[in-house]
Amino acid sequence: MGFKNFQNALKKGDKKMTTKKDIENILKNYSWMINSIKIMRKSLQEGGEERITAEYGVESSLPKPKGTTSDPVYRELLRREKRWRKIEQYERKVKMIQDRIHVIQDEREFEVLHWLLDGKSYSWIARHMGLSERHIRRLKDSIVEQMSEMPSLPKTS
């Protein structure tokens, strides 16, 4: 399943199996996606009026590219809408992992999973748990295997 197909499956809430590679990538990116969601939400809720009014200064007298609107408020609206869509995309991925955490029953795997979700490296986790980095990678592979066997949950309203 390609990345586009995976994104479409997430959007539709399909019951398709998610590939191991997809889950592995989301686990790797989980920590920064959570941080990005928080930061983007905050910045979009604060308003950001200073950016809109800045375009009325010297920039307002400069030529505008053809085929686009020169209305700074409308352009800001479009920019914010794109950011909200990106937040929704990250939220779907994060939720997919959160919905699958319960399938991990082994204590060591559970511990490794939570450190991975916090963005810790394999070597950091290995030192913290007193295990080899190779063993941590095997535990991560087992986590990914278990999570990939669980079908995606249907979208609920």
N, C-alpha and C. Protein backbone atom coordinates (compact mmCIF):
# COMPACT_ATOMS: atom_id res chain seq x y z
N MET A 1 0.86 -1.16 0.00
CA MET A 1 0.00 0.00 0.00
C MET A 1 0.90 1.23 0.00
N GLY A 2 0.76 2.10 -0.99
CA GLY A 2 1.55 3.31 -1.07
C GLY A 2 1.10 4.32 -0.04
N PHE A 3 1.91 5.36 0.14
CA PHE A 3 1.60 6.37 1.15
C PHE A 3 0.29 7.07 0.85
N LYS A 4 0.03 7.38 -0.43
CA LYS A 4 -1.24 8.04 -0.80
C LYS A 4 -2.42 7.14 -0.47
N ASN A 5 -2.31 5.84 -0.82
CA ASN A 5 -3.39 4.90 -0.51
C ASN A 5 -3.60 4.80 1.00
N PHE A 6 -2.48 4.82 1.74
CA PHE A 6 -2.55 4.75 3.20
C PHE A 6 -3.29 5.99 3.74
N GLN A 7 -2.95 7.18 3.20
CA GLN A 7 -3.63 8.39 3.64
C GLN A 7 -5.11 8.33 3.31
N ASN A 8 -5.45 7.84 2.12
CA ASN A 8 -6.87 7.72 1.75
C ASN A 8 -7.59 6.74 2.65
N ALA A 9 -6.93 5.62 2.99
CA ALA A 9 -7.55 4.64 3.89
C ALA A 9 -7.80 5.26 5.26
N LEU A 10 -6.84 6.07 5.73
CA LEU A 10 -7.03 6.74 7.02
C LEU A 10 -8.19 7.71 6.96
N LYS A 11 -8.29 8.46 5.86
CA LYS A 11 -9.36 9.44 5.71
C LYS A 11 -10.72 8.76 5.71
N LYS A 12 -10.83 7.65 4.99
CA LYS A 12 -12.10 6.96 4.85
C LYS A 12 -12.43 6.11 6.07
N GLY A 13 -11.40 5.82 6.90
CA GLY A 13 -11.64 4.95 8.04
C GLY A 13 -11.82 3.51 7.61
N ASP A 14 -11.16 3.11 6.52
CA ASP A 14 -11.29 1.75 6.02
C ASP A 14 -10.82 0.73 7.04
N LYS A 15 -11.33 -0.49 6.90
CA LYS A 15 -10.92 -1.57 7.77
C LYS A 15 -9.72 -2.32 7.20
N LYS A 16 -9.06 -1.71 6.23
CA LYS A 16 -7.90 -2.34 5.61
C LYS A 16 -6.78 -2.48 6.62
N MET A 17 -5.94 -3.47 6.40
CA MET A 17 -4.78 -3.64 7.25
C MET A 17 -3.79 -2.53 6.93
N THR A 18 -3.15 -2.02 7.93
CA THR A 18 -2.12 -1.02 7.74
C THR A 18 -0.78 -1.75 7.67
N THR A 19 0.06 -1.35 6.74
CA THR A 19 1.32 -2.06 6.56
C THR A 19 2.28 -1.77 7.72
N LYS A 20 3.21 -2.67 7.88
CA LYS A 20 4.21 -2.52 8.93
C LYS A 20 5.03 -1.25 8.73
N LYS A 21 5.36 -0.97 7.47
CA LYS A 21 6.16 0.22 7.16
C LYS A 21 5.41 1.49 7.56
N ASP A 22 4.10 1.53 7.31
CA ASP A 22 3.29 2.69 7.69
C ASP A 22 3.33 2.90 9.20
N ILE A 23 3.12 1.83 9.94
CA ILE A 23 3.11 1.93 11.41
C ILE A 23 4.48 2.32 11.93
N GLU A 24 5.51 1.73 11.36
CA GLU A 24 6.87 2.05 11.77
C GLU A 24 7.17 3.54 11.55
N ASN A 25 6.76 4.08 10.41
CA ASN A 25 6.98 5.50 10.13
C ASN A 25 6.20 6.39 11.10
N ILE A 26 4.97 6.01 11.39
CA ILE A 26 4.17 6.82 12.32
C ILE A 26 4.77 6.77 13.72
N LEU A 27 5.23 5.59 14.15
CA LEU A 27 5.87 5.48 15.46
C LEU A 27 7.10 6.38 15.53
N LYS A 28 7.87 6.40 14.46
CA LYS A 28 9.09 7.21 14.41
C LYS A 28 8.76 8.70 14.46
N ASN A 29 7.66 9.10 13.84
CA ASN A 29 7.29 10.51 13.74
C ASN A 29 6.28 10.97 14.78
N TYR A 30 5.80 10.06 15.60
CA TYR A 30 4.72 10.33 16.55
C TYR A 30 5.02 11.54 17.45
N SER A 31 6.19 11.57 18.03
CA SER A 31 6.53 12.61 19.00
C SER A 31 6.48 14.00 18.37
N TRP A 32 7.10 14.17 17.21
CA TRP A 32 7.09 15.51 16.60
C TRP A 32 5.71 15.86 16.05
N MET A 33 4.91 14.83 15.65
CA MET A 33 3.57 15.13 15.18
C MET A 33 2.71 15.68 16.33
N ILE A 34 2.84 15.08 17.51
CA ILE A 34 2.11 15.56 18.69
C ILE A 34 2.52 17.01 18.99
N ASN A 35 3.83 17.26 18.99
CA ASN A 35 4.30 18.63 19.26
C ASN A 35 3.82 19.60 18.19
N SER A 36 3.85 19.20 16.94
CA SER A 36 3.39 20.07 15.86
C SER A 36 1.90 20.37 15.99
N ILE A 37 1.12 19.38 16.36
CA ILE A 37 -0.32 19.59 16.54
C ILE A 37 -0.55 20.67 17.61
N LYS A 38 0.16 20.54 18.75
CA LYS A 38 0.00 21.51 19.83
C LYS A 38 0.40 22.92 19.39
N ILE A 39 1.55 23.02 18.75
CA ILE A 39 2.06 24.33 18.34
C ILE A 39 1.19 24.96 17.26
N MET A 40 0.80 24.17 16.26
CA MET A 40 -0.02 24.71 15.18
C MET A 40 -1.40 25.14 15.68
N ARG A 41 -2.01 24.34 16.56
CA ARG A 41 -3.31 24.72 17.12
C ARG A 41 -3.20 26.05 17.85
N LYS A 42 -2.16 26.16 18.68
CA LYS A 42 -1.99 27.39 19.47
C LYS A 42 -1.79 28.59 18.56
N SER A 43 -0.94 28.45 17.55
CA SER A 43 -0.66 29.59 16.67
C SER A 43 -1.89 29.98 15.85
N LEU A 44 -2.70 29.01 15.46
CA LEU A 44 -3.89 29.32 14.68
C LEU A 44 -4.99 29.94 15.54
N GLN A 45 -5.01 29.60 16.82
CA GLN A 45 -6.03 30.16 17.71
C GLN A 45 -5.67 31.55 18.21
N GLU A 46 -4.37 31.90 18.16
CA GLU A 46 -3.94 33.21 18.64
C GLU A 46 -4.31 34.33 17.69
N GLY A 47 -4.53 34.04 16.44
CA GLY A 47 -4.95 35.08 15.50
C GLY A 47 -3.90 35.42 14.48
N GLY A 48 -2.76 35.92 14.89
CA GLY A 48 -1.69 36.25 13.96
C GLY A 48 -1.99 37.47 13.10
N GLU A 49 -2.67 38.48 13.65
CA GLU A 49 -3.03 39.65 12.86
C GLU A 49 -1.80 40.42 12.36
N GLU A 50 -0.69 40.35 13.10
CA GLU A 50 0.48 41.11 12.68
C GLU A 50 0.96 40.71 11.29
N ARG A 51 0.73 39.48 10.91
CA ARG A 51 1.15 39.01 9.59
C ARG A 51 0.27 39.60 8.49
N ILE A 52 -1.00 39.75 8.75
CA ILE A 52 -1.93 40.30 7.76
C ILE A 52 -1.64 41.77 7.53
N THR A 53 -1.49 42.54 8.59
CA THR A 53 -1.29 43.98 8.42
C THR A 53 0.08 44.31 7.84
N ALA A 54 1.06 43.45 8.01
CA ALA A 54 2.38 43.72 7.46
C ALA A 54 2.33 43.82 5.94
N GLU A 55 1.39 43.17 5.31
CA GLU A 55 1.29 43.22 3.86
C GLU A 55 0.73 44.55 3.36
N TYR A 56 0.30 45.40 4.24
CA TYR A 56 -0.18 46.72 3.82
C TYR A 56 0.94 47.74 3.78
N GLY A 57 2.13 47.39 4.21
CA GLY A 57 3.27 48.31 4.19
C GLY A 57 3.87 48.40 2.80
N VAL A 58 5.18 48.31 2.73
CA VAL A 58 5.91 48.40 1.46
C VAL A 58 5.47 47.28 0.51
N GLU A 59 5.17 46.11 1.06
CA GLU A 59 4.78 44.97 0.24
C GLU A 59 3.53 45.25 -0.59
N SER A 60 2.68 46.13 -0.11
CA SER A 60 1.43 46.39 -0.82
C SER A 60 1.67 47.11 -2.15
N SER A 61 2.79 47.82 -2.27
CA SER A 61 3.06 48.55 -3.51
C SER A 61 3.79 47.70 -4.54
N LEU A 62 4.27 46.52 -4.12
CA LEU A 62 5.00 45.65 -5.04
C LEU A 62 4.03 44.93 -5.97
N PRO A 63 4.49 44.59 -7.18
CA PRO A 63 3.60 43.85 -8.11
C PRO A 63 3.22 42.49 -7.54
N LYS A 64 2.01 42.07 -7.82
CA LYS A 64 1.50 40.78 -7.35
C LYS A 64 1.59 39.76 -8.48
N PRO A 65 1.81 38.49 -8.15
CA PRO A 65 1.82 37.48 -9.19
C PRO A 65 0.44 37.37 -9.84
N LYS A 66 0.42 37.09 -11.12
CA LYS A 66 -0.85 36.95 -11.84
C LYS A 66 -1.53 35.66 -11.43
N GLY A 67 -2.85 35.67 -11.44
CA GLY A 67 -3.62 34.48 -11.15
C GLY A 67 -3.90 34.26 -9.68
N THR A 68 -3.45 35.15 -8.81
CA THR A 68 -3.75 35.01 -7.39
C THR A 68 -4.43 36.27 -6.90
N THR A 69 -5.08 36.15 -5.78
CA THR A 69 -5.75 37.31 -5.21
C THR A 69 -4.74 38.16 -4.45
N SER A 70 -4.97 39.45 -4.42
CA SER A 70 -4.08 40.33 -3.67
C SER A 70 -4.65 40.63 -2.29
N ASP A 71 -5.81 40.08 -1.99
CA ASP A 71 -6.43 40.32 -0.69
C ASP A 71 -5.65 39.55 0.39
N PRO A 72 -4.97 40.24 1.27
CA PRO A 72 -4.14 39.56 2.28
C PRO A 72 -4.97 38.76 3.28
N VAL A 73 -6.16 39.19 3.57
CA VAL A 73 -7.00 38.46 4.52
C VAL A 73 -7.42 37.12 3.92
N TYR A 74 -7.81 37.14 2.66
CA TYR A 74 -8.20 35.90 1.99
C TYR A 74 -7.02 34.93 1.89
N ARG A 75 -5.85 35.45 1.56
CA ARG A 75 -4.66 34.59 1.46
C ARG A 75 -4.30 33.99 2.82
N GLU A 76 -4.48 34.78 3.86
CA GLU A 76 -4.23 34.28 5.22
C GLU A 76 -5.22 33.18 5.57
N LEU A 77 -6.47 33.36 5.16
CA LEU A 77 -7.49 32.34 5.38
C LEU A 77 -7.09 31.03 4.69
N LEU A 78 -6.63 31.13 3.45
CA LEU A 78 -6.20 29.92 2.73
C LEU A 78 -5.02 29.25 3.42
N ARG A 79 -4.07 30.04 3.88
CA ARG A 79 -2.91 29.49 4.58
C ARG A 79 -3.34 28.76 5.85
N ARG A 80 -4.23 29.37 6.60
CA ARG A 80 -4.70 28.75 7.83
C ARG A 80 -5.49 27.47 7.56
N GLU A 81 -6.28 27.48 6.51
CA GLU A 81 -7.04 26.28 6.16
C GLU A 81 -6.11 25.11 5.84
N LYS A 82 -5.03 25.39 5.14
CA LYS A 82 -4.04 24.35 4.85
C LYS A 82 -3.43 23.81 6.13
N ARG A 83 -3.15 24.71 7.08
CA ARG A 83 -2.58 24.28 8.35
C ARG A 83 -3.55 23.40 9.12
N TRP A 84 -4.85 23.75 9.11
CA TRP A 84 -5.85 22.93 9.79
C TRP A 84 -5.94 21.54 9.15
N ARG A 85 -5.85 21.47 7.82
CA ARG A 85 -5.86 20.17 7.16
C ARG A 85 -4.64 19.34 7.54
N LYS A 86 -3.50 19.99 7.69
CA LYS A 86 -2.28 19.28 8.11
C LYS A 86 -2.44 18.77 9.54
N ILE A 87 -3.03 19.58 10.40
CA ILE A 87 -3.30 19.15 11.78
C ILE A 87 -4.20 17.92 11.77
N GLU A 88 -5.26 17.94 10.97
CA GLU A 88 -6.18 16.80 10.88
C GLU A 88 -5.45 15.55 10.40
N GLN A 89 -4.55 15.70 9.45
CA GLN A 89 -3.79 14.57 8.93
C GLN A 89 -2.92 13.97 10.05
N TYR A 90 -2.22 14.82 10.79
CA TYR A 90 -1.39 14.33 11.90
C TYR A 90 -2.26 13.67 12.97
N GLU A 91 -3.42 14.26 13.25
CA GLU A 91 -4.32 13.70 14.27
C GLU A 91 -4.80 12.31 13.89
N ARG A 92 -5.10 12.09 12.61
CA ARG A 92 -5.53 10.75 12.17
C ARG A 92 -4.43 9.72 12.40
N LYS A 93 -3.22 10.08 12.08
CA LYS A 93 -2.10 9.16 12.25
C LYS A 93 -1.86 8.87 13.73
N VAL A 94 -1.86 9.91 14.55
CA VAL A 94 -1.64 9.75 15.98
C VAL A 94 -2.75 8.89 16.58
N LYS A 95 -3.98 9.16 16.20
CA LYS A 95 -5.12 8.40 16.72
C LYS A 95 -5.03 6.92 16.33
N MET A 96 -4.53 6.66 15.11
CA MET A 96 -4.41 5.28 14.69
C MET A 96 -3.47 4.51 15.63
N ILE A 97 -2.37 5.12 16.02
CA ILE A 97 -1.44 4.48 16.96
C ILE A 97 -2.10 4.36 18.33
N GLN A 98 -2.74 5.43 18.80
CA GLN A 98 -3.38 5.41 20.11
C GLN A 98 -4.46 4.33 20.20
N ASP A 99 -5.18 4.11 19.10
CA ASP A 99 -6.23 3.09 19.08
C ASP A 99 -5.65 1.67 19.12
N ARG A 100 -4.37 1.52 18.84
CA ARG A 100 -3.76 0.20 18.79
C ARG A 100 -2.86 -0.11 19.99
N ILE A 101 -2.64 0.83 20.85
CA ILE A 101 -1.74 0.63 21.99
C ILE A 101 -2.20 -0.57 22.83
N HIS A 102 -3.49 -0.76 22.96
CA HIS A 102 -4.01 -1.83 23.82
C HIS A 102 -3.61 -3.24 23.37
N VAL A 103 -3.19 -3.40 22.12
CA VAL A 103 -2.82 -4.75 21.65
C VAL A 103 -1.47 -5.19 22.20
N ILE A 104 -0.68 -4.26 22.72
CA ILE A 104 0.64 -4.60 23.26
C ILE A 104 0.46 -5.02 24.72
N GLN A 105 0.70 -6.30 24.97
CA GLN A 105 0.48 -6.85 26.30
C GLN A 105 1.77 -7.12 27.08
N ASP A 106 2.86 -7.38 26.38
CA ASP A 106 4.14 -7.67 27.02
C ASP A 106 4.68 -6.40 27.69
N GLU A 107 5.16 -6.53 28.93
CA GLU A 107 5.61 -5.36 29.69
C GLU A 107 6.79 -4.65 29.03
N ARG A 108 7.76 -5.43 28.56
CA ARG A 108 8.92 -4.81 27.91
C ARG A 108 8.52 -4.09 26.63
N GLU A 109 7.70 -4.73 25.84
CA GLU A 109 7.24 -4.11 24.60
C GLU A 109 6.45 -2.83 24.90
N PHE A 110 5.63 -2.89 25.93
CA PHE A 110 4.84 -1.73 26.32
C PHE A 110 5.74 -0.56 26.71
N GLU A 111 6.79 -0.87 27.48
CA GLU A 111 7.75 0.15 27.91
C GLU A 111 8.49 0.74 26.70
N VAL A 112 8.94 -0.12 25.80
CA VAL A 112 9.64 0.34 24.60
C VAL A 112 8.71 1.22 23.75
N LEU A 113 7.47 0.80 23.61
CA LEU A 113 6.50 1.57 22.83
C LEU A 113 6.36 2.99 23.39
N HIS A 114 6.21 3.11 24.68
CA HIS A 114 6.01 4.44 25.26
C HIS A 114 7.25 5.31 25.14
N TRP A 115 8.44 4.72 25.22
CA TRP A 115 9.65 5.52 25.02
C TRP A 115 9.77 5.94 23.56
N LEU A 116 9.38 5.06 22.65
CA LEU A 116 9.39 5.44 21.22
C LEU A 116 8.42 6.58 20.96
N LEU A 117 7.24 6.52 21.57
CA LEU A 117 6.24 7.57 21.39
C LEU A 117 6.72 8.90 21.97
N ASP A 118 7.61 8.83 22.96
CA ASP A 118 8.20 10.05 23.53
C ASP A 118 9.36 10.57 22.69
N GLY A 119 9.70 9.84 21.62
CA GLY A 119 10.75 10.30 20.71
C GLY A 119 12.15 9.88 21.11
N LYS A 120 12.29 8.92 22.00
CA LYS A 120 13.61 8.47 22.44
C LYS A 120 14.24 7.56 21.39
N SER A 121 15.56 7.59 21.32
CA SER A 121 16.29 6.76 20.35
C SER A 121 16.42 5.33 20.87
N TYR A 122 16.74 4.41 19.95
CA TYR A 122 16.94 3.02 20.35
C TYR A 122 18.07 2.92 21.38
N SER A 123 19.15 3.66 21.16
CA SER A 123 20.28 3.57 22.09
C SER A 123 19.90 4.13 23.47
N TRP A 124 19.11 5.20 23.51
CA TRP A 124 18.67 5.75 24.79
C TRP A 124 17.80 4.73 25.52
N ILE A 125 16.86 4.13 24.81
CA ILE A 125 15.97 3.13 25.42
C ILE A 125 16.78 1.94 25.91
N ALA A 126 17.74 1.50 25.10
CA ALA A 126 18.57 0.36 25.49
C ALA A 126 19.33 0.66 26.78
N ARG A 127 19.94 1.84 26.88
CA ARG A 127 20.66 2.20 28.11
C ARG A 127 19.70 2.28 29.29
N HIS A 128 18.56 2.89 29.09
CA HIS A 128 17.57 3.05 30.16
C HIS A 128 17.07 1.70 30.68
N MET A 129 16.83 0.76 29.77
CA MET A 129 16.26 -0.53 30.16
C MET A 129 17.32 -1.59 30.44
N GLY A 130 18.58 -1.28 30.19
CA GLY A 130 19.65 -2.25 30.43
C GLY A 130 19.64 -3.39 29.43
N LEU A 131 19.22 -3.12 28.22
CA LEU A 131 19.17 -4.12 27.16
C LEU A 131 20.05 -3.67 26.00
N SER A 132 20.29 -4.56 25.07
CA SER A 132 21.07 -4.18 23.89
C SER A 132 20.17 -3.42 22.91
N GLU A 133 20.81 -2.61 22.09
CA GLU A 133 20.07 -1.87 21.07
C GLU A 133 19.41 -2.83 20.09
N ARG A 134 20.08 -3.93 19.82
CA ARG A 134 19.53 -4.95 18.92
C ARG A 134 18.24 -5.54 19.50
N HIS A 135 18.25 -5.77 20.81
CA HIS A 135 17.06 -6.32 21.48
C HIS A 135 15.90 -5.31 21.41
N ILE A 136 16.21 -4.04 21.59
CA ILE A 136 15.18 -2.99 21.50
C ILE A 136 14.57 -2.98 20.11
N ARG A 137 15.40 -3.13 19.08
CA ARG A 137 14.89 -3.16 17.70
C ARG A 137 13.99 -4.38 17.48
N ARG A 138 14.35 -5.52 18.07
CA ARG A 138 13.49 -6.71 17.96
C ARG A 138 12.15 -6.48 18.65
N LEU A 139 12.18 -5.84 19.82
CA LEU A 139 10.94 -5.53 20.52
C LEU A 139 10.08 -4.57 19.70
N LYS A 140 10.72 -3.58 19.09
CA LYS A 140 10.00 -2.63 18.24
C LYS A 140 9.38 -3.35 17.05
N ASP A 141 10.13 -4.29 16.45
CA ASP A 141 9.59 -5.06 15.33
C ASP A 141 8.36 -5.87 15.75
N SER A 142 8.41 -6.42 16.96
CA SER A 142 7.26 -7.16 17.48
C SER A 142 6.06 -6.24 17.69
N ILE A 143 6.31 -5.05 18.19
CA ILE A 143 5.25 -4.05 18.40
C ILE A 143 4.59 -3.71 17.07
N VAL A 144 5.42 -3.44 16.06
CA VAL A 144 4.92 -3.08 14.73
C VAL A 144 4.11 -4.23 14.16
N GLU A 145 4.60 -5.44 14.32
CA GLU A 145 3.90 -6.64 13.82
C GLU A 145 2.50 -6.74 14.45
N GLN A 146 2.43 -6.60 15.76
CA GLN A 146 1.14 -6.71 16.45
C GLN A 146 0.18 -5.59 16.04
N MET A 147 0.71 -4.39 15.91
CA MET A 147 -0.14 -3.25 15.54
C MET A 147 -0.61 -3.36 14.09
N SER A 148 0.20 -3.94 13.23
CA SER A 148 -0.20 -4.04 11.82
C SER A 148 -1.24 -5.12 11.58
N GLU A 149 -1.36 -6.06 12.51
CA GLU A 149 -2.36 -7.12 12.38
C GLU A 149 -3.76 -6.66 12.74
N MET A 150 -3.84 -5.54 13.45
CA MET A 150 -5.13 -5.02 13.86
C MET A 150 -5.69 -4.13 12.74
N PRO A 151 -6.91 -4.39 12.27
CA PRO A 151 -7.48 -3.53 11.22
C PRO A 151 -7.77 -2.14 11.76
N SER A 152 -7.77 -1.16 10.87
CA SER A 152 -8.11 0.21 11.25
C SER A 152 -9.57 0.23 11.69
N LEU A 153 -9.84 1.05 12.68
CA LEU A 153 -11.19 1.17 13.17
C LEU A 153 -12.02 2.02 12.24
N PRO A 154 -13.30 1.70 12.07
CA PRO A 154 -14.15 2.55 11.23
C PRO A 154 -14.30 3.93 11.84
N LYS A 155 -14.47 4.92 11.00
CA LYS A 155 -14.63 6.30 11.43
C LYS A 155 -15.95 6.46 12.18
N THR A 156 -15.89 7.11 13.33
CA THR A 156 -17.12 7.36 14.09
C THR A 156 -17.39 8.86 14.09
N SER A 157 -18.65 9.22 14.10
CA SER A 157 -19.02 10.64 14.07
C SER A 157 -19.08 11.23 15.44
